[in-house]
Amino acid sequence: MRQLVIDCATEACSVALIEDGVVVAGDFAVLGRGHAEKLVPMIAALPEKGRADEILVDIGPGSFTGIRVGLAAARALRLAWGASLTGFESLRLVAAMALAQRPGSPVDVCMTGGHGEWFFQPFSADGNPAAPVLSLSPAEAIARATASVLAGSQAHALANGRTDVEALDLRPDARSANLLGASAFVADPRPRYGRAPDARLPSAA
């Protein structure tokens, strides 16, 4: 079984080719912007241009644009290759990456959100979510952080000067998707933005 992993839901953009659970190739870059221009060349540079039996894609939460770019590419390749398509969440991948470095400890994951807010989610030591994702002000997120291991792009800010925690500056990386358990994947992947869209339909007069 060969899997192509696409992850461009956050400021990072990454791809990986996994065969029978082993990463055979991949790439990772922190872009900020320009995911649409960078993603396809990254896939094309993989062995056999990334062709796989299954496509795994990050569905968020994260950047509205990044999530949609990743899903659009994954859906197009699914049709072209006749592959299956599965989704996973960005914060859950970061939690798995943190637990690979610090096994046995609960992890609070905190990532950059929109309009100055942070995406926050606690995870148990087995990598499963302990609560839903929330989009919070920095002060609210700091008040909720109780784990001894903090991970994500806002991990150091979440620590807020505490000396009793370890902060791991991590972003979701497609090359680590093989750390996820089967329960982390969802069929029929759809965007999970983590907060309400900025644009609103005009109310009826």
N, C-alpha and C. Protein backbone atom coordinates (compact mmCIF):
# COMPACT_ATOMS: atom_id res chain seq x y z
N MET A 1 0.84 -1.20 0.00
CA MET A 1 0.00 0.00 0.00
C MET A 1 0.88 1.25 0.00
N ARG A 2 0.68 2.09 -0.99
CA ARG A 2 1.42 3.34 -1.07
C ARG A 2 0.47 4.50 -0.79
N GLN A 3 0.91 5.42 0.06
CA GLN A 3 0.09 6.56 0.45
C GLN A 3 0.82 7.86 0.15
N LEU A 4 0.09 8.80 -0.45
CA LEU A 4 0.58 10.16 -0.62
C LEU A 4 -0.06 11.01 0.47
N VAL A 5 0.76 11.73 1.22
CA VAL A 5 0.27 12.59 2.29
C VAL A 5 0.46 14.04 1.87
N ILE A 6 -0.60 14.83 2.00
CA ILE A 6 -0.59 16.25 1.65
C ILE A 6 -0.95 17.04 2.90
N ASP A 7 -0.11 18.00 3.25
CA ASP A 7 -0.39 18.82 4.43
C ASP A 7 -0.02 20.27 4.15
N CYS A 8 -1.01 21.09 3.90
CA CYS A 8 -0.74 22.53 3.74
C CYS A 8 -1.83 23.35 4.43
N ALA A 9 -2.32 22.84 5.56
CA ALA A 9 -3.40 23.50 6.29
C ALA A 9 -2.91 24.67 7.14
N THR A 10 -1.60 24.73 7.40
CA THR A 10 -1.06 25.81 8.24
C THR A 10 -0.03 26.58 7.44
N GLU A 11 0.82 27.36 8.11
CA GLU A 11 1.86 28.09 7.41
C GLU A 11 2.91 27.16 6.81
N ALA A 12 2.92 25.91 7.25
CA ALA A 12 3.84 24.91 6.70
C ALA A 12 3.18 24.20 5.52
N CYS A 13 4.00 23.73 4.60
CA CYS A 13 3.53 22.95 3.46
C CYS A 13 4.44 21.73 3.34
N SER A 14 3.83 20.53 3.30
CA SER A 14 4.65 19.33 3.25
C SER A 14 3.94 18.22 2.50
N VAL A 15 4.73 17.30 1.97
CA VAL A 15 4.21 16.12 1.29
C VAL A 15 5.08 14.94 1.68
N ALA A 16 4.53 13.75 1.56
CA ALA A 16 5.30 12.55 1.85
C ALA A 16 4.72 11.39 1.07
N LEU A 17 5.57 10.45 0.74
CA LEU A 17 5.17 9.19 0.13
C LEU A 17 5.52 8.08 1.12
N ILE A 18 4.49 7.35 1.54
CA ILE A 18 4.65 6.31 2.55
C ILE A 18 4.29 4.97 1.91
N GLU A 19 5.16 4.00 2.06
CA GLU A 19 4.90 2.67 1.50
C GLU A 19 4.98 1.64 2.61
N ASP A 20 3.85 0.95 2.83
CA ASP A 20 3.77 -0.06 3.90
C ASP A 20 4.23 0.50 5.24
N GLY A 21 3.81 1.73 5.53
CA GLY A 21 4.11 2.34 6.82
C GLY A 21 5.46 3.01 6.93
N VAL A 22 6.27 2.96 5.87
CA VAL A 22 7.61 3.55 5.90
C VAL A 22 7.67 4.75 4.96
N VAL A 23 8.18 5.87 5.46
CA VAL A 23 8.32 7.07 4.63
C VAL A 23 9.48 6.86 3.66
N VAL A 24 9.18 6.91 2.36
CA VAL A 24 10.23 6.70 1.35
C VAL A 24 10.72 8.01 0.75
N ALA A 25 9.91 9.07 0.86
CA ALA A 25 10.32 10.38 0.34
C ALA A 25 9.40 11.43 0.91
N GLY A 26 9.88 12.67 0.94
CA GLY A 26 9.04 13.74 1.43
C GLY A 26 9.75 15.08 1.39
N ASP A 27 8.97 16.14 1.64
CA ASP A 27 9.52 17.49 1.64
C ASP A 27 8.69 18.33 2.61
N PHE A 28 9.32 19.35 3.19
CA PHE A 28 8.67 20.20 4.18
C PHE A 28 9.23 21.60 4.06
N ALA A 29 8.35 22.60 4.10
CA ALA A 29 8.80 24.00 4.07
C ALA A 29 7.79 24.85 4.83
N VAL A 30 8.29 25.83 5.56
CA VAL A 30 7.42 26.81 6.20
C VAL A 30 7.34 28.00 5.26
N LEU A 31 6.15 28.22 4.70
CA LEU A 31 5.97 29.21 3.64
C LEU A 31 5.28 30.48 4.12
N GLY A 32 4.30 30.32 4.98
CA GLY A 32 3.45 31.45 5.29
C GLY A 32 2.38 31.62 4.23
N ARG A 33 2.79 31.92 3.01
CA ARG A 33 1.89 32.06 1.86
C ARG A 33 2.47 31.29 0.66
N GLY A 34 1.65 31.14 -0.37
CA GLY A 34 2.13 30.53 -1.61
C GLY A 34 1.99 29.03 -1.67
N HIS A 35 1.08 28.46 -0.87
CA HIS A 35 0.89 27.02 -0.86
C HIS A 35 0.46 26.49 -2.24
N ALA A 36 -0.41 27.22 -2.91
CA ALA A 36 -0.92 26.76 -4.20
C ALA A 36 0.20 26.62 -5.23
N GLU A 37 1.16 27.54 -5.17
CA GLU A 37 2.27 27.49 -6.13
C GLU A 37 3.30 26.42 -5.76
N LYS A 38 3.46 26.15 -4.49
CA LYS A 38 4.51 25.24 -4.03
C LYS A 38 4.07 23.78 -4.01
N LEU A 39 2.79 23.52 -3.71
CA LEU A 39 2.35 22.16 -3.43
C LEU A 39 2.53 21.21 -4.61
N VAL A 40 2.05 21.58 -5.79
CA VAL A 40 2.10 20.67 -6.93
C VAL A 40 3.54 20.31 -7.31
N PRO A 41 4.48 21.28 -7.39
CA PRO A 41 5.87 20.89 -7.65
C PRO A 41 6.45 19.96 -6.58
N MET A 42 6.05 20.14 -5.33
CA MET A 42 6.54 19.25 -4.27
C MET A 42 6.05 17.81 -4.51
N ILE A 43 4.79 17.67 -4.92
CA ILE A 43 4.25 16.34 -5.21
C ILE A 43 4.95 15.76 -6.43
N ALA A 44 5.13 16.58 -7.46
CA ALA A 44 5.75 16.09 -8.71
C ALA A 44 7.19 15.64 -8.50
N ALA A 45 7.86 16.17 -7.48
CA ALA A 45 9.26 15.79 -7.22
C ALA A 45 9.38 14.46 -6.49
N LEU A 46 8.26 13.91 -6.02
CA LEU A 46 8.30 12.61 -5.34
C LEU A 46 8.49 11.49 -6.35
N PRO A 47 8.97 10.32 -5.93
CA PRO A 47 9.09 9.18 -6.85
C PRO A 47 7.76 8.90 -7.55
N GLU A 48 7.84 8.65 -8.87
CA GLU A 48 6.66 8.40 -9.69
C GLU A 48 5.63 9.50 -9.55
N LYS A 49 6.13 10.72 -9.34
CA LYS A 49 5.29 11.92 -9.21
C LYS A 49 4.24 11.77 -8.13
N GLY A 50 4.57 10.99 -7.10
CA GLY A 50 3.71 10.85 -5.94
C GLY A 50 2.53 9.91 -6.11
N ARG A 51 2.45 9.22 -7.22
CA ARG A 51 1.29 8.35 -7.46
C ARG A 51 1.16 7.31 -6.35
N ALA A 52 -0.08 7.17 -5.86
CA ALA A 52 -0.31 6.30 -4.71
C ALA A 52 -1.70 5.66 -4.78
N ASP A 53 -1.88 4.64 -3.94
CA ASP A 53 -3.18 3.96 -3.85
C ASP A 53 -4.15 4.74 -2.98
N GLU A 54 -3.61 5.48 -2.02
CA GLU A 54 -4.44 6.24 -1.09
C GLU A 54 -3.82 7.62 -0.88
N ILE A 55 -4.67 8.62 -0.76
CA ILE A 55 -4.22 9.98 -0.50
C ILE A 55 -4.73 10.39 0.88
N LEU A 56 -3.82 10.89 1.71
CA LEU A 56 -4.16 11.39 3.03
C LEU A 56 -3.97 12.90 3.02
N VAL A 57 -4.96 13.65 3.51
CA VAL A 57 -4.88 15.10 3.44
C VAL A 57 -5.28 15.72 4.77
N ASP A 58 -4.56 16.78 5.14
CA ASP A 58 -4.86 17.53 6.36
C ASP A 58 -6.09 18.41 6.11
N ILE A 59 -7.12 18.24 6.95
CA ILE A 59 -8.37 18.98 6.77
C ILE A 59 -8.51 20.15 7.74
N GLY A 60 -7.47 20.42 8.53
CA GLY A 60 -7.51 21.55 9.43
C GLY A 60 -7.64 21.12 10.88
N PRO A 61 -7.85 22.09 11.76
CA PRO A 61 -8.01 23.52 11.48
C PRO A 61 -6.70 24.20 11.09
N GLY A 62 -6.89 25.39 10.52
CA GLY A 62 -5.74 26.14 10.05
C GLY A 62 -6.17 27.26 9.15
N SER A 63 -5.39 27.50 8.11
CA SER A 63 -5.67 28.55 7.15
C SER A 63 -6.81 28.15 6.22
N PHE A 64 -7.78 29.04 6.03
CA PHE A 64 -8.87 28.76 5.10
C PHE A 64 -8.31 28.39 3.72
N THR A 65 -7.37 29.21 3.23
CA THR A 65 -6.83 28.98 1.89
C THR A 65 -6.01 27.70 1.84
N GLY A 66 -5.14 27.50 2.83
CA GLY A 66 -4.30 26.31 2.83
C GLY A 66 -5.10 25.02 2.86
N ILE A 67 -6.13 24.98 3.69
CA ILE A 67 -6.98 23.78 3.78
C ILE A 67 -7.62 23.49 2.43
N ARG A 68 -8.14 24.53 1.78
CA ARG A 68 -8.82 24.33 0.51
C ARG A 68 -7.85 23.93 -0.61
N VAL A 69 -6.65 24.48 -0.58
CA VAL A 69 -5.64 24.11 -1.58
C VAL A 69 -5.30 22.62 -1.45
N GLY A 70 -5.07 22.16 -0.22
CA GLY A 70 -4.75 20.76 -0.01
C GLY A 70 -5.86 19.83 -0.42
N LEU A 71 -7.08 20.16 -0.04
CA LEU A 71 -8.23 19.31 -0.40
C LEU A 71 -8.47 19.30 -1.90
N ALA A 72 -8.33 20.45 -2.55
CA ALA A 72 -8.54 20.50 -4.00
C ALA A 72 -7.52 19.61 -4.72
N ALA A 73 -6.26 19.69 -4.31
CA ALA A 73 -5.24 18.86 -4.94
C ALA A 73 -5.50 17.39 -4.67
N ALA A 74 -5.86 17.05 -3.44
CA ALA A 74 -6.12 15.65 -3.09
C ALA A 74 -7.30 15.09 -3.88
N ARG A 75 -8.36 15.87 -4.02
CA ARG A 75 -9.53 15.39 -4.76
C ARG A 75 -9.23 15.22 -6.24
N ALA A 76 -8.44 16.14 -6.80
CA ALA A 76 -8.08 16.03 -8.22
C ALA A 76 -7.25 14.78 -8.47
N LEU A 77 -6.27 14.51 -7.61
CA LEU A 77 -5.43 13.33 -7.78
C LEU A 77 -6.21 12.04 -7.53
N ARG A 78 -7.15 12.08 -6.61
CA ARG A 78 -8.00 10.89 -6.39
C ARG A 78 -8.73 10.52 -7.67
N LEU A 79 -9.29 11.50 -8.36
CA LEU A 79 -10.01 11.22 -9.60
C LEU A 79 -9.05 10.75 -10.70
N ALA A 80 -7.89 11.40 -10.79
CA ALA A 80 -6.93 11.05 -11.84
C ALA A 80 -6.37 9.64 -11.67
N TRP A 81 -6.13 9.24 -10.41
CA TRP A 81 -5.48 7.96 -10.14
C TRP A 81 -6.44 6.86 -9.74
N GLY A 82 -7.70 7.20 -9.47
CA GLY A 82 -8.62 6.21 -8.93
C GLY A 82 -8.24 5.77 -7.53
N ALA A 83 -7.67 6.70 -6.78
CA ALA A 83 -7.19 6.39 -5.42
C ALA A 83 -8.30 6.64 -4.39
N SER A 84 -8.12 6.11 -3.20
CA SER A 84 -9.01 6.43 -2.09
C SER A 84 -8.51 7.70 -1.42
N LEU A 85 -9.39 8.36 -0.68
CA LEU A 85 -9.06 9.64 -0.06
C LEU A 85 -9.50 9.64 1.40
N THR A 86 -8.58 10.03 2.28
CA THR A 86 -8.82 10.03 3.72
C THR A 86 -8.28 11.33 4.31
N GLY A 87 -8.93 11.81 5.36
CA GLY A 87 -8.49 13.04 5.99
C GLY A 87 -8.00 12.84 7.41
N PHE A 88 -7.23 13.81 7.90
CA PHE A 88 -6.78 13.83 9.30
C PHE A 88 -6.69 15.28 9.73
N GLU A 89 -6.66 15.51 11.04
CA GLU A 89 -6.67 16.87 11.58
C GLU A 89 -5.26 17.34 11.95
N SER A 90 -5.01 18.61 11.73
CA SER A 90 -3.68 19.18 11.93
C SER A 90 -3.19 19.07 13.37
N LEU A 91 -4.04 19.41 14.32
CA LEU A 91 -3.59 19.40 15.72
C LEU A 91 -3.32 17.98 16.21
N ARG A 92 -4.07 17.03 15.67
CA ARG A 92 -3.85 15.63 16.08
C ARG A 92 -2.49 15.14 15.56
N LEU A 93 -2.10 15.58 14.37
CA LEU A 93 -0.78 15.20 13.87
C LEU A 93 0.32 15.84 14.71
N VAL A 94 0.15 17.09 15.09
CA VAL A 94 1.15 17.74 15.95
C VAL A 94 1.25 17.01 17.29
N ALA A 95 0.10 16.59 17.84
CA ALA A 95 0.14 15.84 19.10
C ALA A 95 0.91 14.54 18.93
N ALA A 96 0.70 13.83 17.82
CA ALA A 96 1.42 12.59 17.57
C ALA A 96 2.92 12.84 17.44
N MET A 97 3.29 13.93 16.80
CA MET A 97 4.70 14.28 16.66
C MET A 97 5.32 14.58 18.03
N ALA A 98 4.57 15.29 18.88
CA ALA A 98 5.06 15.60 20.22
C ALA A 98 5.21 14.34 21.05
N LEU A 99 4.24 13.44 20.96
CA LEU A 99 4.29 12.21 21.75
C LEU A 99 5.41 11.29 21.28
N ALA A 100 5.80 11.38 20.01
CA ALA A 100 6.93 10.60 19.54
C ALA A 100 8.23 11.06 20.21
N GLN A 101 8.28 12.35 20.56
CA GLN A 101 9.45 12.89 21.24
C GLN A 101 9.37 12.75 22.76
N ARG A 102 8.15 12.87 23.29
CA ARG A 102 7.95 12.82 24.74
C ARG A 102 6.80 11.87 25.06
N PRO A 103 7.03 10.57 24.91
CA PRO A 103 5.95 9.61 25.13
C PRO A 103 5.51 9.56 26.60
N GLY A 104 4.24 9.23 26.78
CA GLY A 104 3.73 9.01 28.13
C GLY A 104 3.17 10.23 28.83
N SER A 105 3.18 11.39 28.17
CA SER A 105 2.67 12.61 28.80
C SER A 105 1.51 13.18 28.00
N PRO A 106 0.48 13.67 28.68
CA PRO A 106 -0.55 14.43 27.96
C PRO A 106 0.08 15.64 27.28
N VAL A 107 -0.54 16.09 26.20
CA VAL A 107 0.00 17.20 25.41
C VAL A 107 -1.11 18.21 25.15
N ASP A 108 -0.81 19.49 25.37
CA ASP A 108 -1.68 20.57 24.92
C ASP A 108 -1.11 21.12 23.63
N VAL A 109 -1.92 21.11 22.56
CA VAL A 109 -1.46 21.62 21.27
C VAL A 109 -2.06 22.99 21.04
N CYS A 110 -1.23 23.92 20.61
CA CYS A 110 -1.68 25.29 20.39
C CYS A 110 -1.06 25.81 19.09
N MET A 111 -1.93 26.17 18.15
CA MET A 111 -1.49 26.62 16.83
C MET A 111 -2.05 28.00 16.53
N THR A 112 -1.38 28.72 15.65
CA THR A 112 -1.84 30.03 15.23
C THR A 112 -3.20 29.92 14.55
N GLY A 113 -4.14 30.74 14.99
CA GLY A 113 -5.46 30.79 14.37
C GLY A 113 -5.64 32.09 13.60
N GLY A 114 -6.86 32.53 13.51
CA GLY A 114 -7.14 33.76 12.78
C GLY A 114 -7.52 34.90 13.72
N HIS A 115 -7.28 36.14 13.25
CA HIS A 115 -7.65 37.34 14.00
C HIS A 115 -7.07 37.34 15.42
N GLY A 116 -5.81 36.89 15.53
CA GLY A 116 -5.13 36.94 16.82
C GLY A 116 -5.48 35.83 17.77
N GLU A 117 -6.37 34.93 17.35
CA GLU A 117 -6.73 33.81 18.23
C GLU A 117 -5.82 32.62 17.96
N TRP A 118 -5.86 31.66 18.88
CA TRP A 118 -5.08 30.43 18.77
C TRP A 118 -6.03 29.24 18.77
N PHE A 119 -5.67 28.22 17.99
CA PHE A 119 -6.37 26.94 18.07
C PHE A 119 -5.76 26.14 19.22
N PHE A 120 -6.60 25.67 20.10
CA PHE A 120 -6.12 24.96 21.30
C PHE A 120 -6.87 23.64 21.44
N GLN A 121 -6.12 22.56 21.73
CA GLN A 121 -6.75 21.26 21.98
C GLN A 121 -5.85 20.41 22.87
N PRO A 122 -6.41 19.85 23.94
CA PRO A 122 -5.63 18.94 24.79
C PRO A 122 -5.73 17.50 24.28
N PHE A 123 -4.66 16.75 24.45
CA PHE A 123 -4.61 15.35 24.05
C PHE A 123 -4.11 14.50 25.22
N SER A 124 -4.66 13.31 25.34
CA SER A 124 -4.19 12.38 26.36
C SER A 124 -2.89 11.73 25.91
N ALA A 125 -2.28 10.96 26.79
CA ALA A 125 -0.97 10.36 26.51
C ALA A 125 -1.02 9.31 25.40
N ASP A 126 -2.24 8.84 25.05
CA ASP A 126 -2.35 7.88 23.95
C ASP A 126 -2.59 8.56 22.61
N GLY A 127 -2.59 9.89 22.60
CA GLY A 127 -2.73 10.64 21.36
C GLY A 127 -4.15 10.96 20.97
N ASN A 128 -5.12 10.55 21.77
CA ASN A 128 -6.52 10.84 21.47
C ASN A 128 -6.91 12.20 22.05
N PRO A 129 -7.81 12.92 21.37
CA PRO A 129 -8.24 14.22 21.89
C PRO A 129 -8.94 14.08 23.23
N ALA A 130 -8.63 14.96 24.16
CA ALA A 130 -9.29 14.98 25.46
C ALA A 130 -10.44 15.97 25.48
N ALA A 131 -10.54 16.81 24.45
CA ALA A 131 -11.61 17.80 24.32
C ALA A 131 -11.60 18.30 22.88
N PRO A 132 -12.68 18.94 22.44
CA PRO A 132 -12.72 19.47 21.07
C PRO A 132 -11.75 20.63 20.86
N VAL A 133 -11.47 20.92 19.59
CA VAL A 133 -10.66 22.09 19.24
C VAL A 133 -11.44 23.36 19.57
N LEU A 134 -10.75 24.34 20.14
CA LEU A 134 -11.34 25.64 20.41
C LEU A 134 -10.48 26.73 19.78
N SER A 135 -11.12 27.79 19.32
CA SER A 135 -10.40 28.98 18.87
C SER A 135 -10.53 30.01 19.99
N LEU A 136 -9.40 30.35 20.62
CA LEU A 136 -9.42 31.14 21.84
C LEU A 136 -8.49 32.34 21.75
N SER A 137 -8.76 33.32 22.58
CA SER A 137 -7.79 34.41 22.74
C SER A 137 -6.54 33.81 23.41
N PRO A 138 -5.38 34.44 23.22
CA PRO A 138 -4.18 33.93 23.90
C PRO A 138 -4.37 33.77 25.40
N ALA A 139 -5.02 34.73 26.04
CA ALA A 139 -5.21 34.66 27.50
C ALA A 139 -6.06 33.45 27.88
N GLU A 140 -7.11 33.19 27.10
CA GLU A 140 -7.98 32.04 27.38
C GLU A 140 -7.23 30.73 27.19
N ALA A 141 -6.42 30.64 26.14
CA ALA A 141 -5.65 29.43 25.89
C ALA A 141 -4.65 29.18 27.01
N ILE A 142 -3.95 30.23 27.43
CA ILE A 142 -2.97 30.09 28.51
C ILE A 142 -3.64 29.61 29.78
N ALA A 143 -4.84 30.11 30.03
CA ALA A 143 -5.56 29.72 31.25
C ALA A 143 -5.98 28.26 31.21
N ARG A 144 -6.18 27.70 30.02
CA ARG A 144 -6.63 26.31 29.88
C ARG A 144 -5.48 25.31 29.87
N ALA A 145 -4.26 25.75 29.63
CA ALA A 145 -3.13 24.84 29.48
C ALA A 145 -2.76 24.21 30.82
N THR A 146 -2.84 22.89 30.87
CA THR A 146 -2.50 22.17 32.11
C THR A 146 -1.46 21.08 31.91
N ALA A 147 -1.19 20.69 30.66
CA ALA A 147 -0.25 19.60 30.40
C ALA A 147 1.18 20.06 30.64
N SER A 148 2.05 19.10 30.91
CA SER A 148 3.46 19.41 31.11
C SER A 148 4.23 19.53 29.80
N VAL A 149 3.60 19.05 28.70
CA VAL A 149 4.19 19.18 27.37
C VAL A 149 3.25 20.01 26.51
N LEU A 150 3.79 21.07 25.91
CA LEU A 150 3.04 21.95 25.03
C LEU A 150 3.64 21.84 23.64
N ALA A 151 2.81 21.81 22.61
CA ALA A 151 3.33 21.63 21.25
C ALA A 151 2.56 22.51 20.28
N GLY A 152 3.23 22.89 19.20
CA GLY A 152 2.60 23.68 18.16
C GLY A 152 3.33 24.97 17.90
N SER A 153 2.83 25.74 16.95
CA SER A 153 3.49 26.99 16.57
C SER A 153 3.42 28.04 17.67
N GLN A 154 2.47 27.90 18.60
CA GLN A 154 2.35 28.84 19.71
C GLN A 154 2.72 28.20 21.05
N ALA A 155 3.46 27.11 21.01
CA ALA A 155 3.79 26.40 22.24
C ALA A 155 4.59 27.27 23.21
N HIS A 156 5.57 28.01 22.70
CA HIS A 156 6.40 28.83 23.60
C HIS A 156 5.59 29.98 24.17
N ALA A 157 4.71 30.55 23.36
CA ALA A 157 3.85 31.62 23.88
C ALA A 157 2.87 31.07 24.90
N LEU A 158 2.38 29.86 24.66
CA LEU A 158 1.44 29.23 25.58
C LEU A 158 2.10 28.97 26.94
N ALA A 159 3.38 28.64 26.92
CA ALA A 159 4.10 28.39 28.18
C ALA A 159 4.10 29.63 29.06
N ASN A 160 4.12 30.81 28.44
CA ASN A 160 3.95 32.08 29.17
C ASN A 160 4.94 32.22 30.33
N GLY A 161 6.19 31.80 30.06
CA GLY A 161 7.22 31.96 31.07
C GLY A 161 7.27 30.88 32.13
N ARG A 162 6.38 29.89 32.07
CA ARG A 162 6.39 28.82 33.06
C ARG A 162 7.65 27.97 32.91
N THR A 163 8.18 27.51 34.04
CA THR A 163 9.38 26.67 34.02
C THR A 163 9.06 25.20 34.26
N ASP A 164 7.78 24.90 34.52
CA ASP A 164 7.39 23.52 34.81
C ASP A 164 6.83 22.80 33.59
N VAL A 165 7.01 23.37 32.38
CA VAL A 165 6.51 22.76 31.16
C VAL A 165 7.62 22.71 30.12
N GLU A 166 7.42 21.83 29.14
CA GLU A 166 8.34 21.78 27.99
C GLU A 166 7.56 22.17 26.75
N ALA A 167 8.06 23.14 26.02
CA ALA A 167 7.39 23.65 24.83
C ALA A 167 8.13 23.16 23.57
N LEU A 168 7.38 22.51 22.67
CA LEU A 168 7.94 21.98 21.43
C LEU A 168 7.36 22.78 20.25
N ASP A 169 8.21 23.51 19.56
CA ASP A 169 7.77 24.33 18.43
C ASP A 169 7.61 23.42 17.20
N LEU A 170 6.40 22.94 16.99
CA LEU A 170 6.13 21.98 15.92
C LEU A 170 5.02 22.48 15.01
N ARG A 171 5.11 22.08 13.74
CA ARG A 171 4.04 22.31 12.78
C ARG A 171 3.74 20.98 12.09
N PRO A 172 2.50 20.78 11.67
CA PRO A 172 2.17 19.48 11.06
C PRO A 172 3.09 19.18 9.88
N ASP A 173 3.58 17.95 9.84
CA ASP A 173 4.55 17.53 8.83
C ASP A 173 4.07 16.21 8.22
N ALA A 174 3.81 16.23 6.93
CA ALA A 174 3.31 15.03 6.24
C ALA A 174 4.22 13.83 6.45
N ARG A 175 5.50 14.06 6.65
CA ARG A 175 6.46 12.97 6.82
C ARG A 175 6.28 12.24 8.14
N SER A 176 5.42 12.78 9.02
CA SER A 176 5.14 12.14 10.30
C SER A 176 3.75 11.51 10.35
N ALA A 177 3.06 11.46 9.22
CA ALA A 177 1.68 10.94 9.21
C ALA A 177 1.61 9.47 9.62
N ASN A 178 2.71 8.74 9.48
CA ASN A 178 2.70 7.33 9.88
C ASN A 178 2.69 7.16 11.40
N LEU A 179 2.78 8.27 12.14
CA LEU A 179 2.66 8.20 13.60
C LEU A 179 1.20 8.14 14.05
N LEU A 180 0.28 8.48 13.16
CA LEU A 180 -1.14 8.51 13.51
C LEU A 180 -1.73 7.11 13.55
N GLY A 181 -2.59 6.87 14.53
CA GLY A 181 -3.32 5.62 14.60
C GLY A 181 -4.52 5.63 13.67
N ALA A 182 -5.12 4.47 13.47
CA ALA A 182 -6.24 4.35 12.53
C ALA A 182 -7.41 5.25 12.90
N SER A 183 -7.61 5.49 14.20
CA SER A 183 -8.75 6.29 14.63
C SER A 183 -8.61 7.76 14.26
N ALA A 184 -7.42 8.18 13.85
CA ALA A 184 -7.20 9.59 13.51
C ALA A 184 -7.72 9.94 12.12
N PHE A 185 -8.02 8.94 11.30
CA PHE A 185 -8.38 9.20 9.91
C PHE A 185 -9.89 9.17 9.71
N VAL A 186 -10.37 10.06 8.84
CA VAL A 186 -11.80 10.17 8.56
C VAL A 186 -12.05 9.99 7.06
N ALA A 187 -13.11 9.26 6.74
CA ALA A 187 -13.52 9.11 5.35
C ALA A 187 -14.28 10.36 4.90
N ASP A 188 -14.39 10.55 3.60
CA ASP A 188 -15.09 11.71 3.03
C ASP A 188 -14.61 13.00 3.69
N PRO A 189 -13.32 13.32 3.57
CA PRO A 189 -12.77 14.48 4.29
C PRO A 189 -13.37 15.80 3.82
N ARG A 190 -13.71 16.63 4.79
CA ARG A 190 -14.24 17.97 4.54
C ARG A 190 -13.48 18.96 5.42
N PRO A 191 -13.46 20.23 5.01
CA PRO A 191 -12.69 21.22 5.78
C PRO A 191 -13.17 21.35 7.21
N ARG A 192 -12.23 21.46 8.13
CA ARG A 192 -12.52 21.75 9.53
C ARG A 192 -11.72 23.00 9.89
N TYR A 193 -12.38 24.13 9.74
CA TYR A 193 -11.67 25.40 9.86
C TYR A 193 -11.35 25.77 11.31
N GLY A 194 -12.14 25.29 12.25
CA GLY A 194 -11.86 25.57 13.65
C GLY A 194 -12.49 26.84 14.17
N ARG A 195 -13.02 27.65 13.27
CA ARG A 195 -13.72 28.87 13.66
C ARG A 195 -14.67 29.26 12.54
N ALA A 196 -15.61 30.12 12.86
CA ALA A 196 -16.59 30.54 11.86
C ALA A 196 -15.91 31.37 10.77
N PRO A 197 -16.41 31.29 9.54
CA PRO A 197 -15.82 32.09 8.46
C PRO A 197 -15.96 33.59 8.72
N ASP A 198 -15.02 34.38 8.21
CA ASP A 198 -15.07 35.83 8.39
C ASP A 198 -16.21 36.45 7.60
N ALA A 199 -16.44 35.94 6.40
CA ALA A 199 -17.47 36.52 5.52
C ALA A 199 -18.85 36.06 6.00
N ARG A 200 -19.79 36.97 5.92
CA ARG A 200 -21.17 36.67 6.30
C ARG A 200 -22.10 37.00 5.14
N LEU A 201 -23.12 36.16 4.95
CA LEU A 201 -24.14 36.50 3.97
C LEU A 201 -24.96 37.68 4.51
N PRO A 202 -25.36 38.62 3.64
CA PRO A 202 -26.16 39.75 4.13
C PRO A 202 -27.50 39.26 4.64
N SER A 203 -27.95 39.83 5.74
CA SER A 203 -29.23 39.44 6.28
C SER A 203 -30.35 39.98 5.42
N ALA A 204 -31.48 39.30 5.45
CA ALA A 204 -32.63 39.75 4.64
C ALA A 204 -33.14 41.07 5.15
N ALA A 205 -33.51 41.89 4.23
CA ALA A 205 -34.04 43.22 4.60
C ALA A 205 -35.40 43.07 5.28
